[in-house]
Amino acid sequence: MTATKELAWFKSSYSGTQGDSCVEVAVAGPAVHVRDSKDVTLPALAVGREGWGRFVSFASGA
């Protein structure tokens, strides 16, 4: 398993410039990692790419 410190985290282009109330995402191998940008010391959630794709599709209303 990849240590979350080694991941390349990014925020959505829809995130505001304030940097608060965002989630960050990193992709590594078969997993998509998600964490709270307000406290990156909390554990990240890891989901499979297929599950992440279904979630993004649902959240976007597609």
PDB file of N, CA and C in Angstrom:
ATOM      1  N   MET A   1       0.838  -1.183   0.000  1.00  0.00           N
ATOM      2  CA  MET A   1       0.000   0.000   0.000  1.00  0.00           C
ATOM      3  C   MET A   1       0.879   1.241   0.000  1.00  0.00           C
ATOM      4  N   THR A   2       0.481   2.254  -0.743  1.00  0.00           N
ATOM      5  CA  THR A   2       1.245   3.478  -0.854  1.00  0.00           C
ATOM      6  C   THR A   2       1.003   4.367   0.360  1.00  0.00           C
ATOM      7  N   ALA A   3       2.077   4.889   0.940  1.00  0.00           N
ATOM      8  CA  ALA A   3       1.926   5.831   2.047  1.00  0.00           C
ATOM      9  C   ALA A   3       1.321   7.121   1.510  1.00  0.00           C
ATOM     10  N   THR A   4       0.370   7.684   2.246  1.00  0.00           N
ATOM     11  CA  THR A   4      -0.322   8.868   1.740  1.00  0.00           C
ATOM     12  C   THR A   4       0.611  10.068   1.594  1.00  0.00           C
ATOM     13  N   LYS A   5       1.725  10.089   2.299  1.00  0.00           N
ATOM     14  CA  LYS A   5       2.682  11.186   2.160  1.00  0.00           C
ATOM     15  C   LYS A   5       3.357  11.162   0.789  1.00  0.00           C
ATOM     16  N   GLU A   6       3.413  10.009   0.163  1.00  0.00           N
ATOM     17  CA  GLU A   6       4.091   9.851  -1.124  1.00  0.00           C
ATOM     18  C   GLU A   6       3.174  10.126  -2.312  1.00  0.00           C
ATOM     19  N   LEU A   7       1.895  10.348  -2.071  1.00  0.00           N
ATOM     20  CA  LEU A   7       0.946  10.534  -3.154  1.00  0.00           C
ATOM     21  C   LEU A   7       0.955  11.971  -3.670  1.00  0.00           C
ATOM     22  N   ALA A   8       0.582  12.137  -4.922  1.00  0.00           N
ATOM     23  CA  ALA A   8       0.458  13.464  -5.534  1.00  0.00           C
ATOM     24  C   ALA A   8      -0.996  13.908  -5.393  1.00  0.00           C
ATOM     25  N   TRP A   9      -1.287  14.677  -4.366  1.00  0.00           N
ATOM     26  CA  TRP A   9      -2.645  15.112  -4.064  1.00  0.00           C
ATOM     27  C   TRP A   9      -3.027  16.308  -4.918  1.00  0.00           C
ATOM     28  N   PHE A  10      -4.304  16.377  -5.308  1.00  0.00           N
ATOM     29  CA  PHE A  10      -4.794  17.548  -6.036  1.00  0.00           C
ATOM     30  C   PHE A  10      -6.239  17.826  -5.647  1.00  0.00           C
ATOM     31  N   LYS A  11      -6.638  19.080  -5.870  1.00  0.00           N
ATOM     32  CA  LYS A  11      -8.006  19.513  -5.612  1.00  0.00           C
ATOM     33  C   LYS A  11      -8.709  19.751  -6.933  1.00  0.00           C
ATOM     34  N   SER A  12     -10.002  19.719  -6.902  1.00  0.00           N
ATOM     35  CA  SER A  12     -10.806  19.992  -8.084  1.00  0.00           C
ATOM     36  C   SER A  12     -10.583  21.417  -8.564  1.00  0.00           C
ATOM     37  N   SER A  13     -10.673  21.607  -9.860  1.00  0.00           N
ATOM     38  CA  SER A  13     -10.579  22.956 -10.414  1.00  0.00           C
ATOM     39  C   SER A  13     -11.772  23.799  -9.975  1.00  0.00           C
ATOM     40  N   TYR A  14     -12.815  23.170  -9.458  1.00  0.00           N
ATOM     41  CA  TYR A  14     -13.992  23.880  -8.959  1.00  0.00           C
ATOM     42  C   TYR A  14     -13.798  24.361  -7.524  1.00  0.00           C
ATOM     43  N   SER A  15     -12.709  23.963  -6.878  1.00  0.00           N
ATOM     44  CA  SER A  15     -12.452  24.403  -5.510  1.00  0.00           C
ATOM     45  C   SER A  15     -12.159  25.893  -5.502  1.00  0.00           C
ATOM     46  N   GLY A  16     -12.583  26.555  -4.476  1.00  0.00           N
ATOM     47  CA  GLY A  16     -12.328  27.986  -4.350  1.00  0.00           C
ATOM     48  C   GLY A  16     -10.868  28.279  -4.057  1.00  0.00           C
ATOM     49  N   THR A  17     -10.516  29.531  -4.146  1.00  0.00           N
ATOM     50  CA  THR A  17      -9.136  29.945  -3.886  1.00  0.00           C
ATOM     51  C   THR A  17      -8.826  30.027  -2.401  1.00  0.00           C
ATOM     52  N   GLN A  18      -9.857  29.943  -1.551  1.00  0.00           N
ATOM     53  CA  GLN A  18      -9.661  30.000  -0.104  1.00  0.00           C
ATOM     54  C   GLN A  18      -8.954  28.757   0.421  1.00  0.00           C
ATOM     55  N   GLY A  19      -9.160  27.625  -0.240  1.00  0.00           N
ATOM     56  CA  GLY A  19      -8.508  26.387   0.170  1.00  0.00           C
ATOM     57  C   GLY A  19      -9.192  25.647   1.290  1.00  0.00           C
ATOM     58  N   ASP A  20     -10.376  26.133   1.704  1.00  0.00           N
ATOM     59  CA  ASP A  20     -11.071  25.445   2.796  1.00  0.00           C
ATOM     60  C   ASP A  20     -12.243  24.636   2.256  1.00  0.00           C
ATOM     61  N   SER A  21     -12.730  23.747   3.071  1.00  0.00           N
ATOM     62  CA  SER A  21     -13.891  22.919   2.727  1.00  0.00           C
ATOM     63  C   SER A  21     -13.715  22.153   1.417  1.00  0.00           C
ATOM     64  N   CYS A  22     -12.567  21.603   1.209  1.00  0.00           N
ATOM     65  CA  CYS A  22     -12.283  20.849  -0.016  1.00  0.00           C
ATOM     66  C   CYS A  22     -11.863  19.429   0.340  1.00  0.00           C
ATOM     67  N   VAL A  23     -11.978  18.576  -0.631  1.00  0.00           N
ATOM     68  CA  VAL A  23     -11.360  17.270  -0.520  1.00  0.00           C
ATOM     69  C   VAL A  23     -10.211  17.236  -1.523  1.00  0.00           C
ATOM     70  N   GLU A  24      -9.217  16.456  -1.213  1.00  0.00           N
ATOM     71  CA  GLU A  24      -8.094  16.252  -2.119  1.00  0.00           C
ATOM     72  C   GLU A  24      -8.119  14.805  -2.572  1.00  0.00           C
ATOM     73  N   VAL A  25      -7.662  14.576  -3.781  1.00  0.00           N
ATOM     74  CA  VAL A  25      -7.689  13.252  -4.387  1.00  0.00           C
ATOM     75  C   VAL A  25      -6.294  12.918  -4.900  1.00  0.00           C
ATOM     76  N   ALA A  26      -5.918  11.664  -4.797  1.00  0.00           N
ATOM     77  CA  ALA A  26      -4.664  11.166  -5.365  1.00  0.00           C
ATOM     78  C   ALA A  26      -4.942   9.785  -5.950  1.00  0.00           C
ATOM     79  N   VAL A  27      -4.360   9.514  -7.098  1.00  0.00           N
ATOM     80  CA  VAL A  27      -4.541   8.224  -7.763  1.00  0.00           C
ATOM     81  C   VAL A  27      -3.221   7.463  -7.699  1.00  0.00           C
ATOM     82  N   ALA A  28      -3.299   6.219  -7.251  1.00  0.00           N
ATOM     83  CA  ALA A  28      -2.108   5.373  -7.181  1.00  0.00           C
ATOM     84  C   ALA A  28      -2.525   3.936  -7.466  1.00  0.00           C
ATOM     85  N   GLY A  29      -2.038   3.403  -8.562  1.00  0.00           N
ATOM     86  CA  GLY A  29      -2.374   2.030  -8.916  1.00  0.00           C
ATOM     87  C   GLY A  29      -3.868   1.864  -9.083  1.00  0.00           C
ATOM     88  N   PRO A  30      -4.439   0.849  -8.474  1.00  0.00           N
ATOM     89  CA  PRO A  30      -5.865   0.592  -8.644  1.00  0.00           C
ATOM     90  C   PRO A  30      -6.759   1.411  -7.710  1.00  0.00           C
ATOM     91  N   ALA A  31      -6.167   2.281  -6.891  1.00  0.00           N
ATOM     92  CA  ALA A  31      -6.945   2.997  -5.876  1.00  0.00           C
ATOM     93  C   ALA A  31      -6.972   4.502  -6.108  1.00  0.00           C
ATOM     94  N   VAL A  32      -8.072   5.101  -5.679  1.00  0.00           N
ATOM     95  CA  VAL A  32      -8.209   6.551  -5.611  1.00  0.00           C
ATOM     96  C   VAL A  32      -8.297   6.887  -4.126  1.00  0.00           C
ATOM     97  N   HIS A  33      -7.417   7.764  -3.668  1.00  0.00           N
ATOM     98  CA  HIS A  33      -7.358   8.154  -2.269  1.00  0.00           C
ATOM     99  C   HIS A  33      -8.026   9.516  -2.122  1.00  0.00           C
ATOM    100  N   VAL A  34      -8.801   9.683  -1.056  1.00  0.00           N
ATOM    101  CA  VAL A  34      -9.534  10.922  -0.812  1.00  0.00           C
ATOM    102  C   VAL A  34      -9.252  11.346   0.626  1.00  0.00           C
ATOM    103  N   ARG A  35      -8.968  12.661   0.810  1.00  0.00           N
ATOM    104  CA  ARG A  35      -8.739  13.157   2.167  1.00  0.00           C
ATOM    105  C   ARG A  35      -9.318  14.563   2.316  1.00  0.00           C
ATOM    106  N   ASP A  36      -9.487  14.968   3.550  1.00  0.00           N
ATOM    107  CA  ASP A  36      -9.997  16.287   3.898  1.00  0.00           C
ATOM    108  C   ASP A  36      -8.837  17.278   3.848  1.00  0.00           C
ATOM    109  N   SER A  37      -8.979  18.342   3.066  1.00  0.00           N
ATOM    110  CA  SER A  37      -7.884  19.302   2.931  1.00  0.00           C
ATOM    111  C   SER A  37      -7.686  20.143   4.185  1.00  0.00           C
ATOM    112  N   LYS A  38      -8.699  20.205   5.053  1.00  0.00           N
ATOM    113  CA  LYS A  38      -8.559  21.001   6.274  1.00  0.00           C
ATOM    114  C   LYS A  38      -7.649  20.330   7.304  1.00  0.00           C
ATOM    115  N   ASP A  39      -7.572  19.013   7.268  1.00  0.00           N
ATOM    116  CA  ASP A  39      -6.724  18.286   8.217  1.00  0.00           C
ATOM    117  C   ASP A  39      -6.140  17.061   7.524  1.00  0.00           C
ATOM    118  N   VAL A  40      -5.017  17.258   6.871  1.00  0.00           N
ATOM    119  CA  VAL A  40      -4.405  16.179   6.093  1.00  0.00           C
ATOM    120  C   VAL A  40      -3.750  15.118   6.976  1.00  0.00           C
ATOM    121  N   THR A  41      -3.768  15.326   8.284  1.00  0.00           N
ATOM    122  CA  THR A  41      -3.222  14.308   9.185  1.00  0.00           C
ATOM    123  C   THR A  41      -4.238  13.204   9.466  1.00  0.00           C
ATOM    124  N   LEU A  42      -5.501  13.453   9.149  1.00  0.00           N
ATOM    125  CA  LEU A  42      -6.524  12.412   9.320  1.00  0.00           C
ATOM    126  C   LEU A  42      -6.309  11.314   8.283  1.00  0.00           C
ATOM    127  N   PRO A  43      -6.773  10.113   8.552  1.00  0.00           N
ATOM    128  CA  PRO A  43      -6.621   9.027   7.575  1.00  0.00           C
ATOM    129  C   PRO A  43      -7.371   9.338   6.275  1.00  0.00           C
ATOM    130  N   ALA A  44      -6.805   8.897   5.181  1.00  0.00           N
ATOM    131  CA  ALA A  44      -7.440   9.050   3.870  1.00  0.00           C
ATOM    132  C   ALA A  44      -8.320   7.839   3.598  1.00  0.00           C
ATOM    133  N   LEU A  45      -9.312   8.035   2.777  1.00  0.00           N
ATOM    134  CA  LEU A  45     -10.181   6.960   2.326  1.00  0.00           C
ATOM    135  C   LEU A  45      -9.653   6.469   0.988  1.00  0.00           C
ATOM    136  N   ALA A  46      -9.571   5.176   0.791  1.00  0.00           N
ATOM    137  CA  ALA A  46      -9.130   4.614  -0.490  1.00  0.00           C
ATOM    138  C   ALA A  46     -10.261   3.785  -1.077  1.00  0.00           C
ATOM    139  N   VAL A  47     -10.574   4.051  -2.343  1.00  0.00           N
ATOM    140  CA  VAL A  47     -11.611   3.299  -3.059  1.00  0.00           C
ATOM    141  C   VAL A  47     -11.060   2.858  -4.402  1.00  0.00           C
ATOM    142  N   GLY A  48     -11.656   1.847  -4.977  1.00  0.00           N
ATOM    143  CA  GLY A  48     -11.252   1.395  -6.299  1.00  0.00           C
ATOM    144  C   GLY A  48     -11.617   2.430  -7.355  1.00  0.00           C
ATOM    145  N   ARG A  49     -10.919   2.406  -8.478  1.00  0.00           N
ATOM    146  CA  ARG A  49     -11.174   3.373  -9.552  1.00  0.00           C
ATOM    147  C   ARG A  49     -12.596   3.262 -10.086  1.00  0.00           C
ATOM    148  N   GLU A  50     -13.107   2.050 -10.196  1.00  0.00           N
ATOM    149  CA  GLU A  50     -14.463   1.865 -10.709  1.00  0.00           C
ATOM    150  C   GLU A  50     -15.486   2.480  -9.754  1.00  0.00           C
ATOM    151  N   GLY A  51     -15.319   2.241  -8.472  1.00  0.00           N
ATOM    152  CA  GLY A  51     -16.213   2.818  -7.479  1.00  0.00           C
ATOM    153  C   GLY A  51     -16.135   4.341  -7.458  1.00  0.00           C
ATOM    154  N   TRP A  52     -14.935   4.868  -7.596  1.00  0.00           N
ATOM    155  CA  TRP A  52     -14.759   6.325  -7.640  1.00  0.00           C
ATOM    156  C   TRP A  52     -15.463   6.905  -8.871  1.00  0.00           C
ATOM    157  N   GLY A  53     -15.327   6.231  -9.990  1.00  0.00           N
ATOM    158  CA  GLY A  53     -15.979   6.691 -11.211  1.00  0.00           C
ATOM    159  C   GLY A  53     -17.493   6.728 -11.053  1.00  0.00           C
ATOM    160  N   ARG A  54     -18.055   5.703 -10.409  1.00  0.00           N
ATOM    161  CA  ARG A  54     -19.496   5.672 -10.169  1.00  0.00           C
ATOM    162  C   ARG A  54     -19.916   6.811  -9.233  1.00  0.00           C
ATOM    163  N   PHE A  55     -19.106   7.067  -8.202  1.00  0.00           N
ATOM    164  CA  PHE A  55     -19.411   8.155  -7.277  1.00  0.00           C
ATOM    165  C   PHE A  55     -19.384   9.509  -8.002  1.00  0.00           C
ATOM    166  N   VAL A  56     -18.357   9.760  -8.788  1.00  0.00           N
ATOM    167  CA  VAL A  56     -18.248  11.045  -9.500  1.00  0.00           C
ATOM    168  C   VAL A  56     -19.413  11.196 -10.479  1.00  0.00           C
ATOM    169  N   SER A  57     -19.765  10.143 -11.159  1.00  0.00           N
ATOM    170  CA  SER A  57     -20.897  10.192 -12.081  1.00  0.00           C
ATOM    171  C   SER A  57     -22.178  10.533 -11.333  1.00  0.00           C
ATOM    172  N   PHE A  58     -22.413   9.890 -10.205  1.00  0.00           N
ATOM    173  CA  PHE A  58     -23.595  10.152  -9.391  1.00  0.00           C
ATOM    174  C   PHE A  58     -23.592  11.597  -8.883  1.00  0.00           C
ATOM    175  N   ALA A  59     -22.448  12.042  -8.341  1.00  0.00           N
ATOM    176  CA  ALA A  59     -22.359  13.390  -7.758  1.00  0.00           C
ATOM    177  C   ALA A  59     -22.540  14.487  -8.810  1.00  0.00           C
ATOM    178  N   SER A  60     -22.125  14.204 -10.034  1.00  0.00           N
ATOM    179  CA  SER A  60     -22.251  15.214 -11.098  1.00  0.00           C
ATOM    180  C   SER A  60     -23.631  15.212 -11.731  1.00  0.00           C
ATOM    181  N   GLY A  61     -24.449  14.224 -11.377  1.00  0.00           N
ATOM    182  CA  GLY A  61     -25.792  14.141 -11.935  1.00  0.00           C
ATOM    183  C   GLY A  61     -25.836  13.583 -13.342  1.00  0.00           C
ATOM    184  N   ALA A  62     -24.738  12.987 -13.772  1.00  0.00           N
ATOM    185  CA  ALA A  62     -24.666  12.435 -15.130  1.00  0.00           C
ATOM    186  C   ALA A  62     -25.416  11.126 -15.255  1.00  0.00           C
TER     187      ALA A  62
END
